[in-house]
Amino acid sequence: MIGMTLTGHAEARANQRGVPRNIIEAILDHADMDVPVGGGCTALRLSKRRLKDAALRQRLGSQLDRLAGIAVICADDTGDVVTVLHDRGGAEGRRYRRLH
């Protein structure tokens, strides 16, 4: 992905949560789910169906497994990555799953 911009908050959260830039880029490139989460932001992630896609697995290899359960929140107006989180069903991501 060309020109991906992470806010300071997104960089801090990605580091704290162990999500490297290449994983964020892969989610932005291959996400098939986008959910408006309010505040002018959208949550991007890969669906279970997309994670099972044989062509995508061939392209990304074992990296595909790391994309499961990670949501990237982007600003609608600038496209900047606002934050990154593990979407595992707990309270941390509840606000972002509200519309799923």
N, C-alpha and C. Protein backbone atom coordinates (compact mmCIF):
# COMPACT_ATOMS: atom_id res chain seq x y z
N MET A 1 0.85 -1.18 0.00
CA MET A 1 0.00 0.00 0.00
C MET A 1 0.89 1.23 0.00
N ILE A 2 0.62 2.14 -0.88
CA ILE A 2 1.43 3.35 -1.02
C ILE A 2 0.84 4.46 -0.15
N GLY A 3 1.69 5.12 0.63
CA GLY A 3 1.26 6.28 1.39
C GLY A 3 0.43 5.99 2.63
N MET A 4 0.58 4.82 3.23
CA MET A 4 -0.16 4.52 4.45
C MET A 4 0.37 5.42 5.56
N THR A 5 -0.55 6.12 6.24
CA THR A 5 -0.17 7.00 7.34
C THR A 5 -0.80 6.52 8.63
N LEU A 6 0.03 6.29 9.64
CA LEU A 6 -0.45 5.93 10.97
C LEU A 6 -0.36 7.15 11.86
N THR A 7 -1.42 7.41 12.61
CA THR A 7 -1.36 8.47 13.60
C THR A 7 -0.42 8.02 14.72
N GLY A 8 -0.02 8.96 15.56
CA GLY A 8 0.82 8.60 16.70
C GLY A 8 0.15 7.58 17.59
N HIS A 9 -1.16 7.74 17.77
CA HIS A 9 -1.93 6.80 18.58
C HIS A 9 -1.89 5.41 17.95
N ALA A 10 -2.08 5.34 16.64
CA ALA A 10 -2.08 4.05 15.94
C ALA A 10 -0.72 3.36 16.06
N GLU A 11 0.36 4.12 15.92
CA GLU A 11 1.70 3.54 16.06
C GLU A 11 1.91 2.98 17.46
N ALA A 12 1.49 3.75 18.47
CA ALA A 12 1.65 3.30 19.85
C ALA A 12 0.84 2.03 20.10
N ARG A 13 -0.41 2.01 19.66
CA ARG A 13 -1.27 0.84 19.88
C ARG A 13 -0.78 -0.38 19.11
N ALA A 14 -0.33 -0.17 17.88
CA ALA A 14 0.20 -1.29 17.09
C ALA A 14 1.41 -1.90 17.80
N ASN A 15 2.29 -1.06 18.32
CA ASN A 15 3.46 -1.56 19.05
C ASN A 15 3.05 -2.28 20.32
N GLN A 16 2.12 -1.71 21.08
CA GLN A 16 1.67 -2.33 22.32
C GLN A 16 0.99 -3.67 22.07
N ARG A 17 0.30 -3.77 20.94
CA ARG A 17 -0.50 -4.97 20.65
C ARG A 17 0.23 -5.94 19.73
N GLY A 18 1.46 -5.64 19.41
CA GLY A 18 2.28 -6.57 18.63
C GLY A 18 1.82 -6.75 17.19
N VAL A 19 1.34 -5.67 16.58
CA VAL A 19 0.87 -5.73 15.20
C VAL A 19 1.84 -4.93 14.33
N PRO A 20 2.68 -5.61 13.54
CA PRO A 20 3.65 -4.89 12.70
C PRO A 20 3.00 -4.20 11.50
N ARG A 21 3.72 -3.26 10.93
CA ARG A 21 3.21 -2.47 9.79
C ARG A 21 2.80 -3.35 8.61
N ASN A 22 3.55 -4.42 8.34
CA ASN A 22 3.20 -5.25 7.19
C ASN A 22 1.84 -5.92 7.37
N ILE A 23 1.46 -6.22 8.59
CA ILE A 23 0.14 -6.80 8.86
C ILE A 23 -0.94 -5.73 8.64
N ILE A 24 -0.69 -4.52 9.11
CA ILE A 24 -1.65 -3.42 8.90
C ILE A 24 -1.83 -3.18 7.40
N GLU A 25 -0.72 -3.15 6.67
CA GLU A 25 -0.80 -2.94 5.22
C GLU A 25 -1.59 -4.05 4.54
N ALA A 26 -1.37 -5.30 4.96
CA ALA A 26 -2.09 -6.43 4.36
C ALA A 26 -3.59 -6.33 4.63
N ILE A 27 -3.96 -5.91 5.83
CA ILE A 27 -5.38 -5.74 6.14
C ILE A 27 -5.98 -4.64 5.27
N LEU A 28 -5.28 -3.53 5.14
CA LEU A 28 -5.78 -2.44 4.30
C LEU A 28 -5.92 -2.88 2.84
N ASP A 29 -5.00 -3.70 2.37
CA ASP A 29 -5.02 -4.15 0.98
C ASP A 29 -6.09 -5.20 0.71
N HIS A 30 -6.39 -6.06 1.70
CA HIS A 30 -7.24 -7.22 1.44
C HIS A 30 -8.54 -7.27 2.24
N ALA A 31 -8.82 -6.25 3.03
CA ALA A 31 -10.04 -6.25 3.85
C ALA A 31 -11.29 -6.34 2.98
N ASP A 32 -12.24 -7.15 3.42
CA ASP A 32 -13.51 -7.26 2.71
C ASP A 32 -14.68 -6.85 3.60
N MET A 33 -14.39 -6.43 4.80
CA MET A 33 -15.43 -5.94 5.71
C MET A 33 -15.06 -4.52 6.12
N ASP A 34 -16.00 -3.61 5.95
CA ASP A 34 -15.80 -2.24 6.43
C ASP A 34 -17.08 -1.80 7.13
N VAL A 35 -16.92 -1.44 8.39
CA VAL A 35 -18.05 -1.09 9.24
C VAL A 35 -17.85 0.32 9.78
N PRO A 36 -18.81 1.23 9.52
CA PRO A 36 -18.71 2.57 10.12
C PRO A 36 -18.79 2.44 11.64
N VAL A 37 -17.86 3.08 12.34
CA VAL A 37 -17.82 2.96 13.79
C VAL A 37 -18.06 4.28 14.50
N GLY A 38 -18.44 5.31 13.75
CA GLY A 38 -18.71 6.60 14.36
C GLY A 38 -17.47 7.46 14.39
N GLY A 39 -17.68 8.73 14.66
CA GLY A 39 -16.56 9.66 14.74
C GLY A 39 -15.84 9.83 13.43
N GLY A 40 -16.51 9.54 12.31
CA GLY A 40 -15.88 9.67 11.01
C GLY A 40 -14.85 8.59 10.73
N CYS A 41 -15.01 7.41 11.34
CA CYS A 41 -14.06 6.32 11.16
C CYS A 41 -14.75 5.05 10.70
N THR A 42 -13.96 4.17 10.09
CA THR A 42 -14.44 2.88 9.62
C THR A 42 -13.48 1.79 10.07
N ALA A 43 -14.05 0.67 10.54
CA ALA A 43 -13.24 -0.49 10.92
C ALA A 43 -13.08 -1.39 9.71
N LEU A 44 -11.86 -1.78 9.40
CA LEU A 44 -11.56 -2.68 8.30
C LEU A 44 -11.01 -3.98 8.85
N ARG A 45 -11.47 -5.10 8.29
CA ARG A 45 -10.96 -6.41 8.69
C ARG A 45 -11.26 -7.42 7.62
N LEU A 46 -10.74 -8.62 7.79
CA LEU A 46 -10.99 -9.71 6.86
C LEU A 46 -12.03 -10.64 7.46
N SER A 47 -13.00 -11.04 6.66
CA SER A 47 -14.04 -11.97 7.11
C SER A 47 -13.46 -13.39 7.18
N LYS A 48 -14.17 -14.28 7.86
CA LYS A 48 -13.74 -15.68 7.92
C LYS A 48 -13.68 -16.27 6.52
N ARG A 49 -14.63 -15.90 5.68
CA ARG A 49 -14.64 -16.40 4.30
C ARG A 49 -13.38 -15.95 3.55
N ARG A 50 -13.02 -14.70 3.71
CA ARG A 50 -11.83 -14.16 3.03
C ARG A 50 -10.56 -14.85 3.54
N LEU A 51 -10.52 -15.15 4.84
CA LEU A 51 -9.36 -15.81 5.42
C LEU A 51 -9.19 -17.23 4.89
N LYS A 52 -10.26 -17.82 4.37
CA LYS A 52 -10.21 -19.18 3.81
C LYS A 52 -9.94 -19.18 2.30
N ASP A 53 -9.83 -18.03 1.69
CA ASP A 53 -9.62 -17.90 0.25
C ASP A 53 -8.27 -18.51 -0.15
N ALA A 54 -8.32 -19.53 -1.00
CA ALA A 54 -7.10 -20.24 -1.40
C ALA A 54 -6.13 -19.33 -2.16
N ALA A 55 -6.65 -18.48 -3.03
CA ALA A 55 -5.78 -17.59 -3.80
C ALA A 55 -5.06 -16.60 -2.88
N LEU A 56 -5.77 -16.09 -1.88
CA LEU A 56 -5.16 -15.16 -0.94
C LEU A 56 -4.12 -15.89 -0.09
N ARG A 57 -4.42 -17.13 0.31
CA ARG A 57 -3.46 -17.91 1.09
C ARG A 57 -2.19 -18.15 0.28
N GLN A 58 -2.35 -18.42 -1.00
CA GLN A 58 -1.18 -18.65 -1.85
C GLN A 58 -0.34 -17.37 -1.95
N ARG A 59 -1.00 -16.23 -2.02
CA ARG A 59 -0.30 -14.95 -2.15
C ARG A 59 0.40 -14.55 -0.85
N LEU A 60 -0.29 -14.73 0.29
CA LEU A 60 0.24 -14.24 1.56
C LEU A 60 0.93 -15.31 2.40
N GLY A 61 0.66 -16.57 2.13
CA GLY A 61 1.26 -17.66 2.89
C GLY A 61 0.84 -17.64 4.35
N SER A 62 1.79 -17.91 5.23
CA SER A 62 1.47 -18.00 6.66
C SER A 62 1.10 -16.65 7.26
N GLN A 63 1.41 -15.56 6.56
CA GLN A 63 1.05 -14.23 7.06
C GLN A 63 -0.46 -14.10 7.18
N LEU A 64 -1.22 -14.84 6.37
CA LEU A 64 -2.68 -14.75 6.38
C LEU A 64 -3.25 -15.07 7.76
N ASP A 65 -2.66 -16.04 8.46
CA ASP A 65 -3.14 -16.41 9.79
C ASP A 65 -3.03 -15.26 10.78
N ARG A 66 -2.06 -14.40 10.59
CA ARG A 66 -1.87 -13.27 11.50
C ARG A 66 -2.91 -12.18 11.31
N LEU A 67 -3.62 -12.19 10.17
CA LEU A 67 -4.62 -11.17 9.89
C LEU A 67 -5.94 -11.43 10.60
N ALA A 68 -6.14 -12.67 11.03
CA ALA A 68 -7.41 -13.04 11.68
C ALA A 68 -7.57 -12.29 13.00
N GLY A 69 -8.74 -11.70 13.19
CA GLY A 69 -9.06 -11.07 14.46
C GLY A 69 -8.44 -9.71 14.70
N ILE A 70 -7.87 -9.10 13.67
CA ILE A 70 -7.30 -7.76 13.83
C ILE A 70 -8.16 -6.78 13.05
N ALA A 71 -8.52 -5.69 13.68
CA ALA A 71 -9.29 -4.62 13.03
C ALA A 71 -8.41 -3.38 12.95
N VAL A 72 -8.46 -2.72 11.81
CA VAL A 72 -7.74 -1.47 11.59
C VAL A 72 -8.79 -0.38 11.45
N ILE A 73 -8.71 0.65 12.28
CA ILE A 73 -9.68 1.74 12.26
C ILE A 73 -9.06 2.91 11.50
N CYS A 74 -9.77 3.35 10.45
CA CYS A 74 -9.27 4.41 9.58
C CYS A 74 -10.20 5.61 9.59
N ALA A 75 -9.62 6.80 9.47
CA ALA A 75 -10.40 8.03 9.34
C ALA A 75 -10.97 8.08 7.93
N ASP A 76 -12.27 8.37 7.83
CA ASP A 76 -12.92 8.41 6.52
C ASP A 76 -12.42 9.57 5.66
N ASP A 77 -12.12 10.71 6.28
CA ASP A 77 -11.74 11.88 5.48
C ASP A 77 -10.31 11.83 4.96
N THR A 78 -9.37 11.34 5.77
CA THR A 78 -7.96 11.35 5.37
C THR A 78 -7.44 9.97 4.98
N GLY A 79 -8.10 8.93 5.45
CA GLY A 79 -7.62 7.57 5.20
C GLY A 79 -6.53 7.14 6.16
N ASP A 80 -6.17 8.02 7.11
CA ASP A 80 -5.14 7.68 8.10
C ASP A 80 -5.61 6.54 8.99
N VAL A 81 -4.66 5.70 9.40
CA VAL A 81 -4.96 4.65 10.37
C VAL A 81 -5.00 5.31 11.74
N VAL A 82 -6.15 5.21 12.42
CA VAL A 82 -6.36 5.86 13.71
C VAL A 82 -5.94 4.96 14.85
N THR A 83 -6.27 3.67 14.76
CA THR A 83 -5.86 2.70 15.78
C THR A 83 -5.94 1.30 15.21
N VAL A 84 -5.36 0.37 15.95
CA VAL A 84 -5.33 -1.04 15.58
C VAL A 84 -5.71 -1.82 16.82
N LEU A 85 -6.57 -2.83 16.67
CA LEU A 85 -6.95 -3.61 17.84
C LEU A 85 -7.21 -5.05 17.48
N HIS A 86 -7.07 -5.92 18.48
CA HIS A 86 -7.43 -7.32 18.35
C HIS A 86 -8.91 -7.41 18.63
N ASP A 87 -9.68 -7.81 17.65
CA ASP A 87 -11.13 -7.89 17.77
C ASP A 87 -11.49 -9.31 18.19
N ARG A 88 -11.48 -9.57 19.49
CA ARG A 88 -11.69 -10.92 20.01
C ARG A 88 -13.02 -11.09 20.74
N GLY A 89 -13.88 -10.09 20.71
CA GLY A 89 -15.17 -10.23 21.34
C GLY A 89 -15.26 -9.65 22.74
N GLY A 90 -14.17 -9.10 23.26
CA GLY A 90 -14.19 -8.54 24.60
C GLY A 90 -14.60 -7.08 24.61
N ALA A 91 -14.53 -6.47 25.75
CA ALA A 91 -14.96 -5.08 25.91
C ALA A 91 -14.10 -4.12 25.09
N GLU A 92 -12.84 -4.46 24.87
CA GLU A 92 -11.93 -3.55 24.17
C GLU A 92 -12.46 -3.13 22.80
N GLY A 93 -13.01 -4.07 22.04
CA GLY A 93 -13.47 -3.74 20.70
C GLY A 93 -14.97 -3.62 20.55
N ARG A 94 -15.67 -3.60 21.65
CA ARG A 94 -17.14 -3.60 21.59
C ARG A 94 -17.68 -2.44 20.77
N ARG A 95 -17.15 -1.27 20.97
CA ARG A 95 -17.63 -0.11 20.24
C ARG A 95 -17.47 -0.30 18.73
N TYR A 96 -16.40 -0.96 18.32
CA TYR A 96 -16.12 -1.14 16.90
C TYR A 96 -16.94 -2.27 16.28
N ARG A 97 -17.47 -3.17 17.10
CA ARG A 97 -18.28 -4.27 16.59
C ARG A 97 -19.77 -3.98 16.64
N ARG A 98 -20.14 -2.86 17.14
CA ARG A 98 -21.54 -2.51 17.37
C ARG A 98 -22.42 -2.79 16.15
N LEU A 99 -21.94 -2.52 14.97
CA LEU A 99 -22.76 -2.63 13.77
C LEU A 99 -22.54 -3.93 13.00
N HIS A 100 -21.77 -4.87 13.51
CA HIS A 100 -21.53 -6.14 12.80
C HIS A 100 -22.79 -6.93 12.70
